PDB file of N, CA and C in Angstrom:
ATOM      1  N   UNK A   1      19.474   5.642  -7.425  1.00  0.00           N
ATOM      2  CA  UNK A   1      18.185   4.992  -7.234  1.00  0.00           C
ATOM      3  C   UNK A   1      17.164   5.564  -8.225  1.00  0.00           C
ATOM      4  N   UNK A   2      16.470   4.684  -8.889  1.00  0.00           N
ATOM      5  CA  UNK A   2      15.460   5.091  -9.866  1.00  0.00           C
ATOM      6  C   UNK A   2      14.205   5.537  -9.129  1.00  0.00           C
ATOM      7  N   UNK A   3      13.661   6.677  -9.524  1.00  0.00           N
ATOM      8  CA  UNK A   3      12.421   7.152  -8.935  1.00  0.00           C
ATOM      9  C   UNK A   3      11.267   6.314  -9.479  1.00  0.00           C
ATOM     10  N   UNK A   4      10.598   5.620  -8.593  1.00  0.00           N
ATOM     11  CA  UNK A   4       9.518   4.715  -8.989  1.00  0.00           C
ATOM     12  C   UNK A   4       8.403   5.457  -9.710  1.00  0.00           C
ATOM     13  N   UNK A   5       8.038   6.638  -9.214  1.00  0.00           N
ATOM     14  CA  UNK A   5       6.968   7.398  -9.864  1.00  0.00           C
ATOM     15  C   UNK A   5       7.323   7.751 -11.298  1.00  0.00           C
ATOM     16  N   UNK A   6       8.555   8.174 -11.517  1.00  0.00           N
ATOM     17  CA  UNK A   6       8.977   8.500 -12.883  1.00  0.00           C
ATOM     18  C   UNK A   6       8.944   7.266 -13.773  1.00  0.00           C
ATOM     19  N   UNK A   7       9.391   6.153 -13.240  1.00  0.00           N
ATOM     20  CA  UNK A   7       9.404   4.912 -14.022  1.00  0.00           C
ATOM     21  C   UNK A   7       7.979   4.497 -14.395  1.00  0.00           C
ATOM     22  N   UNK A   8       7.056   4.599 -13.444  1.00  0.00           N
ATOM     23  CA  UNK A   8       5.655   4.256 -13.698  1.00  0.00           C
ATOM     24  C   UNK A   8       5.063   5.183 -14.755  1.00  0.00           C
ATOM     25  N   UNK A   9       5.260   6.490 -14.598  1.00  0.00           N
ATOM     26  CA  UNK A   9       4.714   7.457 -15.558  1.00  0.00           C
ATOM     27  C   UNK A   9       5.300   7.239 -16.947  1.00  0.00           C
ATOM     28  N   UNK A  10       6.603   7.015 -17.019  1.00  0.00           N
ATOM     29  CA  UNK A  10       7.232   6.764 -18.313  1.00  0.00           C
ATOM     30  C   UNK A  10       6.662   5.526 -18.982  1.00  0.00           C
ATOM     31  N   UNK A  11       6.470   4.480 -18.214  1.00  0.00           N
ATOM     32  CA  UNK A  11       5.911   3.242 -18.773  1.00  0.00           C
ATOM     33  C   UNK A  11       4.480   3.474 -19.249  1.00  0.00           C
ATOM     34  N   UNK A  12       3.650   4.062 -18.385  1.00  0.00           N
ATOM     35  CA  UNK A  12       2.252   4.303 -18.761  1.00  0.00           C
ATOM     36  C   UNK A  12       2.159   5.136 -20.034  1.00  0.00           C
ATOM     37  N   UNK A  13       2.954   6.195 -20.080  1.00  0.00           N
ATOM     38  CA  UNK A  13       2.876   7.077 -21.236  1.00  0.00           C
ATOM     39  C   UNK A  13       3.403   6.405 -22.505  1.00  0.00           C
ATOM     40  N   UNK A  14       4.588   5.837 -22.414  1.00  0.00           N
ATOM     41  CA  UNK A  14       5.204   5.289 -23.634  1.00  0.00           C
ATOM     42  C   UNK A  14       4.529   4.020 -24.135  1.00  0.00           C
ATOM     43  N   UNK A  15       4.030   3.200 -23.226  1.00  0.00           N
ATOM     44  CA  UNK A  15       3.451   1.916 -23.628  1.00  0.00           C
ATOM     45  C   UNK A  15       1.937   1.958 -23.854  1.00  0.00           C
ATOM     46  N   UNK A  16       1.241   2.818 -23.137  1.00  0.00           N
ATOM     47  CA  UNK A  16      -0.224   2.786 -23.208  1.00  0.00           C
ATOM     48  C   UNK A  16      -0.854   4.088 -23.664  1.00  0.00           C
ATOM     49  N   UNK A  17      -0.446   5.200 -23.125  1.00  0.00           N
ATOM     50  CA  UNK A  17      -1.125   6.468 -23.416  1.00  0.00           C
ATOM     51  C   UNK A  17      -0.758   7.011 -24.793  1.00  0.00           C
ATOM     52  N   UNK A  18       0.515   7.030 -25.104  1.00  0.00           N
ATOM     53  CA  UNK A  18       1.009   7.653 -26.338  1.00  0.00           C
ATOM     54  C   UNK A  18       0.355   7.080 -27.595  1.00  0.00           C
ATOM     55  N   UNK A  19       0.131   5.793 -27.607  1.00  0.00           N
ATOM     56  CA  UNK A  19      -0.437   5.155 -28.798  1.00  0.00           C
ATOM     57  C   UNK A  19      -1.970   5.139 -28.808  1.00  0.00           C
ATOM     58  N   UNK A  20      -2.581   5.629 -27.740  1.00  0.00           N
ATOM     59  CA  UNK A  20      -4.042   5.631 -27.651  1.00  0.00           C
ATOM     60  C   UNK A  20      -4.611   6.695 -28.578  1.00  0.00           C
ATOM     61  N   UNK A  21      -5.859   6.550 -28.976  1.00  0.00           N
ATOM     62  CA  UNK A  21      -6.453   7.477 -29.940  1.00  0.00           C
ATOM     63  C   UNK A  21      -6.507   8.921 -29.430  1.00  0.00           C
ATOM     64  N   UNK A  22      -6.682   9.106 -28.116  1.00  0.00           N
ATOM     65  CA  UNK A  22      -6.631  10.451 -27.522  1.00  0.00           C
ATOM     66  C   UNK A  22      -6.478  10.309 -26.014  1.00  0.00           C
ATOM     67  N   UNK A  23      -6.042  11.385 -25.389  1.00  0.00           N
ATOM     68  CA  UNK A  23      -5.920  11.385 -23.931  1.00  0.00           C
ATOM     69  C   UNK A  23      -7.294  11.230 -23.277  1.00  0.00           C
ATOM     70  N   UNK A  24      -8.273  11.885 -23.849  1.00  0.00           N
ATOM     71  CA  UNK A  24      -9.638  11.804 -23.316  1.00  0.00           C
ATOM     72  C   UNK A  24     -10.162  10.373 -23.393  1.00  0.00           C
ATOM     73  N   UNK A  25      -9.928   9.711 -24.520  1.00  0.00           N
ATOM     74  CA  UNK A  25     -10.388   8.332 -24.687  1.00  0.00           C
ATOM     75  C   UNK A  25      -9.685   7.406 -23.697  1.00  0.00           C
ATOM     76  N   UNK A  26      -8.385   7.605 -23.506  1.00  0.00           N
ATOM     77  CA  UNK A  26      -7.657   6.789 -22.537  1.00  0.00           C
ATOM     78  C   UNK A  26      -8.260   6.974 -21.149  1.00  0.00           C
ATOM     79  N   UNK A  27      -8.494   8.220 -20.767  1.00  0.00           N
ATOM     80  CA  UNK A  27      -9.063   8.508 -19.455  1.00  0.00           C
ATOM     81  C   UNK A  27     -10.430   7.851 -19.291  1.00  0.00           C
ATOM     82  N   UNK A  28     -11.277   8.015 -20.269  1.00  0.00           N
ATOM     83  CA  UNK A  28     -12.623   7.437 -20.220  1.00  0.00           C
ATOM     84  C   UNK A  28     -12.576   5.912 -20.136  1.00  0.00           C
ATOM     85  N   UNK A  29     -11.759   5.309 -20.974  1.00  0.00           N
ATOM     86  CA  UNK A  29     -11.665   3.847 -21.013  1.00  0.00           C
ATOM     87  C   UNK A  29     -11.033   3.248 -19.765  1.00  0.00           C
ATOM     88  N   UNK A  30     -10.308   4.062 -19.006  1.00  0.00           N
ATOM     89  CA  UNK A  30      -9.613   3.557 -17.826  1.00  0.00           C
ATOM     90  C   UNK A  30     -10.174   4.105 -16.515  1.00  0.00           C
ATOM     91  N   UNK A  31     -11.272   4.844 -16.586  1.00  0.00           N
ATOM     92  CA  UNK A  31     -11.962   5.310 -15.381  1.00  0.00           C
ATOM     93  C   UNK A  31     -11.209   6.352 -14.572  1.00  0.00           C
ATOM     94  N   UNK A  32     -10.422   7.172 -15.278  1.00  0.00           N
ATOM     95  CA  UNK A  32      -9.684   8.231 -14.588  1.00  0.00           C
ATOM     96  C   UNK A  32      -9.989   9.570 -15.248  1.00  0.00           C
ATOM     97  N   UNK A  33      -9.589  10.641 -14.599  1.00  0.00           N
ATOM     98  CA  UNK A  33      -9.804  11.979 -15.147  1.00  0.00           C
ATOM     99  C   UNK A  33      -8.803  12.274 -16.256  1.00  0.00           C
ATOM    100  N   UNK A  34      -9.238  13.032 -17.235  1.00  0.00           N
ATOM    101  CA  UNK A  34      -8.333  13.426 -18.311  1.00  0.00           C
ATOM    102  C   UNK A  34      -7.179  14.256 -17.758  1.00  0.00           C
ATOM    103  N   UNK A  35      -7.430  15.027 -16.728  1.00  0.00           N
ATOM    104  CA  UNK A  35      -6.367  15.833 -16.121  1.00  0.00           C
ATOM    105  C   UNK A  35      -5.253  14.952 -15.569  1.00  0.00           C
ATOM    106  N   UNK A  36      -5.587  13.767 -15.121  1.00  0.00           N
ATOM    107  CA  UNK A  36      -4.579  12.830 -14.631  1.00  0.00           C
ATOM    108  C   UNK A  36      -3.688  12.365 -15.773  1.00  0.00           C
ATOM    109  N   UNK A  37      -4.289  12.100 -16.912  1.00  0.00           N
ATOM    110  CA  UNK A  37      -3.517  11.698 -18.090  1.00  0.00           C
ATOM    111  C   UNK A  37      -2.580  12.832 -18.493  1.00  0.00           C
ATOM    112  N   UNK A  38      -3.069  14.067 -18.442  1.00  0.00           N
ATOM    113  CA  UNK A  38      -2.221  15.219 -18.762  1.00  0.00           C
ATOM    114  C   UNK A  38      -1.063  15.343 -17.778  1.00  0.00           C
ATOM    115  N   UNK A  39      -1.314  15.063 -16.502  1.00  0.00           N
ATOM    116  CA  UNK A  39      -0.245  15.117 -15.489  1.00  0.00           C
ATOM    117  C   UNK A  39       0.828  14.071 -15.772  1.00  0.00           C
ATOM    118  N   UNK A  40       0.408  12.895 -16.160  1.00  0.00           N
ATOM    119  CA  UNK A  40       1.366  11.828 -16.495  1.00  0.00           C
ATOM    120  C   UNK A  40       2.193  12.256 -17.706  1.00  0.00           C
ATOM    121  N   UNK A  41       1.528  12.753 -18.736  1.00  0.00           N
ATOM    122  CA  UNK A  41       2.217  13.194 -19.944  1.00  0.00           C
ATOM    123  C   UNK A  41       3.191  14.325 -19.635  1.00  0.00           C
ATOM    124  N   UNK A  42       2.750  15.304 -18.851  1.00  0.00           N
ATOM    125  CA  UNK A  42       3.599  16.439 -18.486  1.00  0.00           C
ATOM    126  C   UNK A  42       4.817  15.967 -17.691  1.00  0.00           C
ATOM    127  N   UNK A  43       4.614  15.020 -16.795  1.00  0.00           N
ATOM    128  CA  UNK A  43       5.723  14.492 -16.001  1.00  0.00           C
ATOM    129  C   UNK A  43       6.790  13.881 -16.890  1.00  0.00           C
ATOM    130  N   UNK A  44       6.354  13.174 -17.909  1.00  0.00           N
ATOM    131  CA  UNK A  44       7.293  12.532 -18.830  1.00  0.00           C
ATOM    132  C   UNK A  44       7.974  13.564 -19.730  1.00  0.00           C
ATOM    133  N   UNK A  45       7.187  14.407 -20.346  1.00  0.00           N
ATOM    134  CA  UNK A  45       7.733  15.360 -21.313  1.00  0.00           C
ATOM    135  C   UNK A  45       8.613  16.432 -20.674  1.00  0.00           C
ATOM    136  N   UNK A  46       8.283  16.835 -19.442  1.00  0.00           N
ATOM    137  CA  UNK A  46       9.046  17.897 -18.779  1.00  0.00           C
ATOM    138  C   UNK A  46       9.995  17.351 -17.712  1.00  0.00           C
ATOM    139  N   UNK A  47      10.047  16.030 -17.609  1.00  0.00           N
ATOM    140  CA  UNK A  47      10.920  15.378 -16.632  1.00  0.00           C
ATOM    141  C   UNK A  47      10.707  15.924 -15.219  1.00  0.00           C
ATOM    142  N   UNK A  48       9.425  15.990 -14.822  1.00  0.00           N
ATOM    143  CA  UNK A  48       9.080  16.421 -13.474  1.00  0.00           C
ATOM    144  C   UNK A  48       8.422  15.259 -12.748  1.00  0.00           C
ATOM    145  N   UNK A  49       8.353  15.358 -11.451  1.00  0.00           N
ATOM    146  CA  UNK A  49       7.799  14.269 -10.651  1.00  0.00           C
ATOM    147  C   UNK A  49       6.284  14.386 -10.527  1.00  0.00           C
ATOM    148  N   UNK A  50       5.596  13.300 -10.763  1.00  0.00           N
ATOM    149  CA  UNK A  50       4.163  13.205 -10.500  1.00  0.00           C
ATOM    150  C   UNK A  50       3.957  11.950  -9.666  1.00  0.00           C
ATOM    151  N   UNK A  51       3.473  12.126  -8.466  1.00  0.00           N
ATOM    152  CA  UNK A  51       3.205  11.000  -7.574  1.00  0.00           C
ATOM    153  C   UNK A  51       1.836  10.423  -7.904  1.00  0.00           C
ATOM    154  N   UNK A  52       1.832   9.445  -8.759  1.00  0.00           N
ATOM    155  CA  UNK A  52       0.568   8.849  -9.181  1.00  0.00           C
ATOM    156  C   UNK A  52      -0.062   8.094  -8.010  1.00  0.00           C
ATOM    157  N   UNK A  53      -1.297   8.430  -7.665  1.00  0.00           N
ATOM    158  CA  UNK A  53      -1.955   7.740  -6.548  1.00  0.00           C
ATOM    159  C   UNK A  53      -2.161   6.253  -6.849  1.00  0.00           C
ATOM    160  N   UNK A  54      -2.060   5.447  -5.818  1.00  0.00           N
ATOM    161  CA  UNK A  54      -2.252   4.005  -5.966  1.00  0.00           C
ATOM    162  C   UNK A  54      -3.657   3.718  -6.478  1.00  0.00           C
ATOM    163  N   UNK A  55      -4.628   4.489  -6.050  1.00  0.00           N
ATOM    164  CA  UNK A  55      -6.014   4.301  -6.509  1.00  0.00           C
ATOM    165  C   UNK A  55      -6.088   4.490  -8.025  1.00  0.00           C
ATOM    166  N   UNK A  56      -5.403   5.484  -8.539  1.00  0.00           N
ATOM    167  CA  UNK A  56      -5.391   5.741  -9.983  1.00  0.00           C
ATOM    168  C   UNK A  56      -4.702   4.605 -10.722  1.00  0.00           C
ATOM    169  N   UNK A  57      -3.553   4.195 -10.215  1.00  0.00           N
ATOM    170  CA  UNK A  57      -2.831   3.086 -10.837  1.00  0.00           C
ATOM    171  C   UNK A  57      -3.690   1.823 -10.831  1.00  0.00           C
ATOM    172  N   UNK A  58      -4.410   1.600  -9.742  1.00  0.00           N
ATOM    173  CA  UNK A  58      -5.286   0.437  -9.650  1.00  0.00           C
ATOM    174  C   UNK A  58      -6.401   0.496 -10.690  1.00  0.00           C
ATOM    175  N   UNK A  59      -7.005   1.667 -10.888  1.00  0.00           N
ATOM    176  CA  UNK A  59      -8.063   1.814 -11.902  1.00  0.00           C
ATOM    177  C   UNK A  59      -7.529   1.499 -13.294  1.00  0.00           C
ATOM    178  N   UNK A  60      -6.340   2.009 -13.600  1.00  0.00           N
ATOM    179  CA  UNK A  60      -5.738   1.759 -14.913  1.00  0.00           C
ATOM    180  C   UNK A  60      -5.469   0.267 -15.088  1.00  0.00           C
ATOM    181  N   UNK A  61      -4.909  -0.345 -14.051  1.00  0.00           N
ATOM    182  CA  UNK A  61      -4.608  -1.777 -14.130  1.00  0.00           C
ATOM    183  C   UNK A  61      -5.876  -2.614 -14.252  1.00  0.00           C
ATOM    184  N   UNK A  62      -6.905  -2.273 -13.486  1.00  0.00           N
ATOM    185  CA  UNK A  62      -8.174  -3.014 -13.574  1.00  0.00           C
ATOM    186  C   UNK A  62      -8.759  -2.923 -14.980  1.00  0.00           C
ATOM    187  N   UNK A  63      -8.686  -1.741 -15.588  1.00  0.00           N
ATOM    188  CA  UNK A  63      -9.207  -1.572 -16.946  1.00  0.00           C
ATOM    189  C   UNK A  63      -8.426  -2.411 -17.953  1.00  0.00           C
ATOM    190  N   UNK A  64      -7.177  -2.707 -17.639  1.00  0.00           N
ATOM    191  CA  UNK A  64      -6.321  -3.524 -18.495  1.00  0.00           C
ATOM    192  C   UNK A  64      -6.328  -4.996 -18.080  1.00  0.00           C
ATOM    193  N   UNK A  65      -7.127  -5.311 -17.067  1.00  0.00           N
ATOM    194  CA  UNK A  65      -7.226  -6.684 -16.531  1.00  0.00           C
ATOM    195  C   UNK A  65      -5.865  -7.222 -16.092  1.00  0.00           C
ATOM    196  N   UNK A  66      -5.148  -6.383 -15.362  1.00  0.00           N
ATOM    197  CA  UNK A  66      -3.847  -6.766 -14.834  1.00  0.00           C
ATOM    198  C   UNK A  66      -3.771  -6.305 -13.379  1.00  0.00           C
ATOM    199  N   UNK A  67      -3.143  -7.093 -12.540  1.00  0.00           N
ATOM    200  CA  UNK A  67      -2.985  -6.685 -11.149  1.00  0.00           C
ATOM    201  C   UNK A  67      -1.857  -5.666 -11.043  1.00  0.00           C
ATOM    202  N   UNK A  68      -1.897  -4.872  -9.991  1.00  0.00           N
ATOM    203  CA  UNK A  68      -0.826  -3.895  -9.791  1.00  0.00           C
ATOM    204  C   UNK A  68       0.511  -4.611  -9.651  1.00  0.00           C
ATOM    205  N   UNK A  69       0.525  -5.727  -8.951  1.00  0.00           N
ATOM    206  CA  UNK A  69       1.794  -6.443  -8.764  1.00  0.00           C
ATOM    207  C   UNK A  69       2.341  -6.950 -10.104  1.00  0.00           C
ATOM    208  N   UNK A  70       1.473  -7.458 -10.969  1.00  0.00           N
ATOM    209  CA  UNK A  70       1.936  -7.896 -12.294  1.00  0.00           C
ATOM    210  C   UNK A  70       2.406  -6.702 -13.133  1.00  0.00           C
ATOM    211  N   UNK A  71       1.701  -5.587 -13.009  1.00  0.00           N
ATOM    212  CA  UNK A  71       2.111  -4.372 -13.710  1.00  0.00           C
ATOM    213  C   UNK A  71       3.520  -3.974 -13.291  1.00  0.00           C
ATOM    214  N   UNK A  72       3.769  -3.923 -12.006  1.00  0.00           N
ATOM    215  CA  UNK A  72       5.080  -3.518 -11.510  1.00  0.00           C
ATOM    216  C   UNK A  72       6.163  -4.524 -11.884  1.00  0.00           C
ATOM    217  N   UNK A  73       5.818  -5.787 -11.879  1.00  0.00           N
ATOM    218  CA  UNK A  73       6.785  -6.823 -12.275  1.00  0.00           C
ATOM    219  C   UNK A  73       7.147  -6.710 -13.749  1.00  0.00           C
ATOM    220  N   UNK A  74       6.222  -6.217 -14.562  1.00  0.00           N
ATOM    221  CA  UNK A  74       6.446  -6.170 -16.020  1.00  0.00           C
ATOM    222  C   UNK A  74       7.602  -5.248 -16.400  1.00  0.00           C
ATOM    223  N   UNK A  75       7.982  -4.333 -15.515  1.00  0.00           N
ATOM    224  CA  UNK A  75       9.153  -3.520 -15.819  1.00  0.00           C
ATOM    225  C   UNK A  75      10.134  -3.443 -14.663  1.00  0.00           C
ATOM    226  N   UNK A  76      10.184  -4.538 -13.886  1.00  0.00           N
ATOM    227  CA  UNK A  76      11.245  -4.710 -12.917  1.00  0.00           C
ATOM    228  C   UNK A  76      11.100  -4.073 -11.555  1.00  0.00           C
ATOM    229  N   UNK A  77       9.897  -3.782 -11.120  1.00  0.00           N
ATOM    230  CA  UNK A  77       9.726  -3.248  -9.770  1.00  0.00           C
ATOM    231  C   UNK A  77       9.083  -4.279  -8.860  1.00  0.00           C
TER     232      UNK A  77
END
């Protein structure tokens, strides 16, 4: 069984965060704390679990003008 949190963090990091101009800019533009972006990055790079709060995921999705359900559908959840 695929860990949903890992899949979400991997997607966020590889598709959105990694190519952004900086972690701070991503956080600011998406209404979240920079420490949250670091947690997502650390989870991916160190292959550890980070349980991303639904509120945080919702803020990121709202900033991207996408619903959480569409976000999850975009990579098979």
